[in-house]
């Protein structure tokens, strides 16, 4: 079952140094390290089993000042803590163990959140539940973030083109347009997506 809380840390790296950075970061069954397939960025997704773990992790988060990894970064580390809401397709472990994880983020107008959640169950989640390549699909909402909103973690093992077919056809474009017209801050352009690839991690 997926983790109640997760922390996502983003490391913007010097192009071509992503794997070197990954080799220097701590590994473990409660975290995934993945690199963007399009941009020079590494992310760490860390499972936080409870609120005490959350507090400890925040206070113990590694600092990059004068560290070895500082020389591989082009910007400071950006971190956010997310709270689990629901899972159209849950995973057996605390985090998805798929080869790829896609982050899908939108900021929802606060007054529309309740209506948005009902709407997404009948639209976005209906597509996800019927799309076999989407092995995992988790909905988190920001708890502490400089970019607040809704974050979907989608896990898949197929090639990227196969996975994205359900999210690029005319039906899904209409869903995105509906979301932009009614629920998303900034309209349809407010949807952010990025795919990350990681090694298959050991289960917890």
Protein backbone atom coordinates (compact mmCIF):
# COMPACT_ATOMS: atom_id res chain seq x y z
CA UNK A 1 0.00 0.00 0.00
CA UNK A 2 1.34 3.42 -0.96
CA UNK A 3 2.89 5.72 1.63
CA UNK A 4 0.67 8.21 3.46
CA UNK A 5 3.28 10.97 3.09
CA UNK A 6 6.03 11.36 0.52
CA UNK A 7 8.75 13.93 0.00
CA UNK A 8 9.93 14.75 -3.52
CA UNK A 9 13.35 16.38 -3.85
CA UNK A 10 14.43 17.81 -7.19
CA UNK A 11 18.10 18.12 -8.12
CA UNK A 12 18.77 20.19 -11.24
CA UNK A 13 22.14 18.96 -12.46
CA UNK A 14 24.85 19.85 -14.90
CA UNK A 15 23.82 18.10 -18.15
CA UNK A 16 25.31 14.65 -18.38
CA UNK A 17 26.08 14.36 -14.65
CA UNK A 18 22.75 12.86 -13.56
CA UNK A 19 23.97 9.29 -13.06
CA UNK A 20 26.99 10.52 -11.14
CA UNK A 21 24.69 12.38 -8.78
CA UNK A 22 22.47 9.33 -8.31
CA UNK A 23 25.52 7.27 -7.32
CA UNK A 24 26.27 9.79 -4.54
CA UNK A 25 22.80 9.94 -3.02
CA UNK A 26 21.61 7.53 -0.30
CA UNK A 27 19.72 4.46 -1.49
CA UNK A 28 17.11 2.44 0.37
CA UNK A 29 13.78 0.61 0.20
CA UNK A 30 11.91 3.73 1.29
CA UNK A 31 13.04 5.89 -1.62
CA UNK A 32 13.36 6.00 -5.40
CA UNK A 33 16.01 7.86 -7.35
CA UNK A 34 15.09 8.63 -10.96
CA UNK A 35 16.33 10.89 -13.73
CA UNK A 36 14.23 12.89 -16.15
CA UNK A 37 14.06 11.49 -19.66
CA UNK A 38 14.04 15.00 -21.14
CA UNK A 39 15.86 17.37 -18.77
CA UNK A 40 19.03 17.32 -16.64
CA UNK A 41 17.24 16.63 -13.39
CA UNK A 42 17.25 13.89 -10.75
CA UNK A 43 14.41 13.37 -8.31
CA UNK A 44 14.28 11.49 -5.05
CA UNK A 45 10.86 10.25 -3.93
CA UNK A 46 10.98 9.34 -0.25
CA UNK A 47 8.25 7.47 1.62
CA UNK A 48 7.34 8.84 5.04
CA UNK A 49 5.48 6.22 7.01
CA UNK A 50 4.02 8.56 9.63
CA UNK A 51 4.07 12.14 10.91
CA UNK A 52 7.05 11.48 13.20
CA UNK A 53 9.09 10.24 10.26
CA UNK A 54 8.03 13.34 8.39
CA UNK A 55 9.31 15.65 11.14
CA UNK A 56 12.59 13.75 11.47
CA UNK A 57 13.14 13.75 7.73
CA UNK A 58 12.60 17.49 7.40
CA UNK A 59 15.14 18.21 10.14
CA UNK A 60 17.63 15.67 8.78
CA UNK A 61 17.30 16.48 5.06
CA UNK A 62 20.82 16.56 3.59
CA UNK A 63 22.27 20.00 2.98
CA UNK A 64 24.29 20.60 -0.18
CA UNK A 65 26.36 23.54 1.02
CA UNK A 66 30.04 22.67 0.54
CA UNK A 67 29.13 19.03 -0.13
CA UNK A 68 30.40 16.87 -2.98
CA UNK A 69 27.06 16.97 -4.76
CA UNK A 70 26.98 20.78 -4.75
CA UNK A 71 29.41 20.80 -7.65
CA UNK A 72 26.96 18.77 -9.75
CA UNK A 73 24.00 21.12 -9.26
CA UNK A 74 22.98 24.23 -11.17
CA UNK A 75 20.31 25.26 -8.62
CA UNK A 76 19.40 24.61 -5.02
CA UNK A 77 17.41 21.50 -4.12
CA UNK A 78 13.65 21.96 -4.23
CA UNK A 79 11.62 19.82 -1.84
CA UNK A 80 7.92 19.31 -1.26
CA UNK A 81 5.89 17.10 1.06
CA UNK A 82 2.71 15.49 -0.25
CA UNK A 83 -0.22 13.81 1.49
CA UNK A 84 -1.91 10.73 0.01
CA UNK A 85 -5.57 11.17 -0.99
CA UNK A 86 -6.62 8.20 -3.14
CA UNK A 87 -5.39 5.63 -5.62
CA UNK A 88 -7.24 4.58 -8.77
CA UNK A 89 -4.42 2.02 -9.08
CA UNK A 90 -2.52 1.41 -5.86
CA UNK A 91 0.85 -0.29 -5.44
CA UNK A 92 1.83 -3.08 -3.10
CA UNK A 93 4.82 -1.18 -1.72
CA UNK A 94 5.24 2.26 -0.20
CA UNK A 95 6.31 3.64 -3.58
CA UNK A 96 5.79 2.54 -7.19
CA UNK A 97 8.52 0.10 -8.24
CA UNK A 98 8.03 0.59 -11.96
CA UNK A 99 10.77 1.51 -14.43
CA UNK A 100 9.13 4.86 -15.15
CA UNK A 101 7.28 7.34 -12.96
CA UNK A 102 5.41 10.26 -14.44
CA UNK A 103 4.61 13.30 -12.30
CA UNK A 104 1.42 15.10 -13.31
CA UNK A 105 0.71 18.34 -11.44
CA UNK A 106 -2.09 20.88 -11.45
CA UNK A 107 -3.13 23.62 -9.05
CA UNK A 108 -6.87 23.48 -8.39
CA UNK A 109 -8.95 26.50 -7.43
CA UNK A 110 -9.68 26.06 -3.69
CA UNK A 111 -13.40 26.73 -4.10
CA UNK A 112 -13.61 23.97 -6.72
CA UNK A 113 -11.65 21.20 -4.98
CA UNK A 114 -14.67 19.14 -3.88
CA UNK A 115 -16.27 19.34 -7.32
CA UNK A 116 -12.93 18.63 -8.96
CA UNK A 117 -12.44 15.42 -6.99
CA UNK A 118 -15.86 14.13 -8.04
CA UNK A 119 -15.21 15.15 -11.65
CA UNK A 120 -11.77 13.53 -11.86
CA UNK A 121 -13.13 10.20 -10.60
CA UNK A 122 -15.54 10.12 -13.54
CA UNK A 123 -13.06 11.34 -16.16
CA UNK A 124 -9.31 11.11 -15.44
CA UNK A 125 -9.56 8.08 -13.18
CA UNK A 126 -11.93 6.32 -15.56
CA UNK A 127 -9.31 6.61 -18.29
CA UNK A 128 -6.57 5.40 -15.94
CA UNK A 129 -8.51 2.39 -14.68
CA UNK A 130 -9.15 1.25 -18.27
CA UNK A 131 -5.56 1.83 -19.44
CA UNK A 132 -3.52 -1.32 -18.77
CA UNK A 133 -0.07 0.27 -19.31
CA UNK A 134 -0.75 2.52 -16.30
CA UNK A 135 0.34 0.04 -13.63
CA UNK A 136 0.13 2.53 -10.74
CA UNK A 137 -1.72 5.83 -10.39
CA UNK A 138 -1.65 7.67 -7.05
CA UNK A 139 -3.24 11.00 -6.16
CA UNK A 140 -1.43 13.19 -3.64
CA UNK A 141 -2.16 16.75 -2.53
CA UNK A 142 0.51 19.18 -1.37
CA UNK A 143 1.08 19.55 2.35
CA UNK A 144 4.17 21.75 2.22
CA UNK A 145 5.19 23.01 -1.21
CA UNK A 146 6.36 26.07 -3.07
CA UNK A 147 4.19 24.83 -5.95
CA UNK A 148 0.98 23.72 -4.22
CA UNK A 149 -1.70 21.60 -5.80
CA UNK A 150 -2.51 18.07 -6.89
CA UNK A 151 0.26 15.66 -7.82
CA UNK A 152 -0.40 12.37 -9.58
CA UNK A 153 2.31 9.70 -9.50
CA UNK A 154 1.85 7.35 -12.44
CA UNK A 155 4.01 4.25 -12.65
CA UNK A 156 4.54 2.18 -15.81
CA UNK A 157 6.95 -0.33 -17.35
CA UNK A 158 5.97 -0.13 -21.01
CA UNK A 159 7.69 2.22 -23.44
CA UNK A 160 6.69 5.84 -23.00
CA UNK A 161 4.78 6.08 -26.29
CA UNK A 162 2.54 3.16 -25.33
CA UNK A 163 1.81 4.61 -21.91
CA UNK A 164 0.99 8.08 -23.21
CA UNK A 165 -1.51 6.98 -25.87
CA UNK A 166 -4.43 7.29 -23.44
CA UNK A 167 -3.39 10.83 -22.48
CA UNK A 168 -2.87 12.26 -25.97
CA UNK A 169 -6.00 11.19 -27.85
CA UNK A 170 -8.99 13.42 -28.62
CA UNK A 171 -10.98 12.13 -25.64
CA UNK A 172 -8.28 13.07 -23.13
CA UNK A 173 -7.61 16.42 -24.77
CA UNK A 174 -11.28 17.20 -24.12
CA UNK A 175 -10.85 16.16 -20.48
CA UNK A 176 -7.85 18.49 -20.13
CA UNK A 177 -9.84 21.30 -21.69
CA UNK A 178 -12.73 20.72 -19.27
CA UNK A 179 -10.30 20.81 -16.35
CA UNK A 180 -8.72 24.00 -17.61
CA UNK A 181 -12.04 25.73 -18.19
CA UNK A 182 -13.43 24.92 -14.74
CA UNK A 183 -10.97 23.67 -12.15
CA UNK A 184 -7.31 24.40 -12.87
CA UNK A 185 -5.60 27.63 -11.90
CA UNK A 186 -4.11 28.99 -15.11
CA UNK A 187 -6.36 26.97 -17.39
CA UNK A 188 -5.30 23.97 -19.44
CA UNK A 189 -1.75 25.36 -19.62
CA UNK A 190 -1.52 24.77 -15.87
CA UNK A 191 -0.99 21.02 -16.38
CA UNK A 192 2.63 20.00 -15.81
CA UNK A 193 3.93 16.54 -16.68
CA UNK A 194 7.38 14.95 -16.68
CA UNK A 195 8.58 11.37 -17.01
CA UNK A 196 11.47 9.99 -14.96
CA UNK A 197 13.34 6.71 -15.34
CA UNK A 198 14.93 4.71 -12.57
CA UNK A 199 16.44 1.34 -11.89
CA UNK A 200 14.13 -1.31 -10.54
CA UNK A 201 14.39 -0.90 -6.77
CA UNK A 202 14.18 -3.52 -4.08
CA UNK A 203 10.80 -3.75 -2.37
CA UNK A 204 10.34 -2.76 1.25
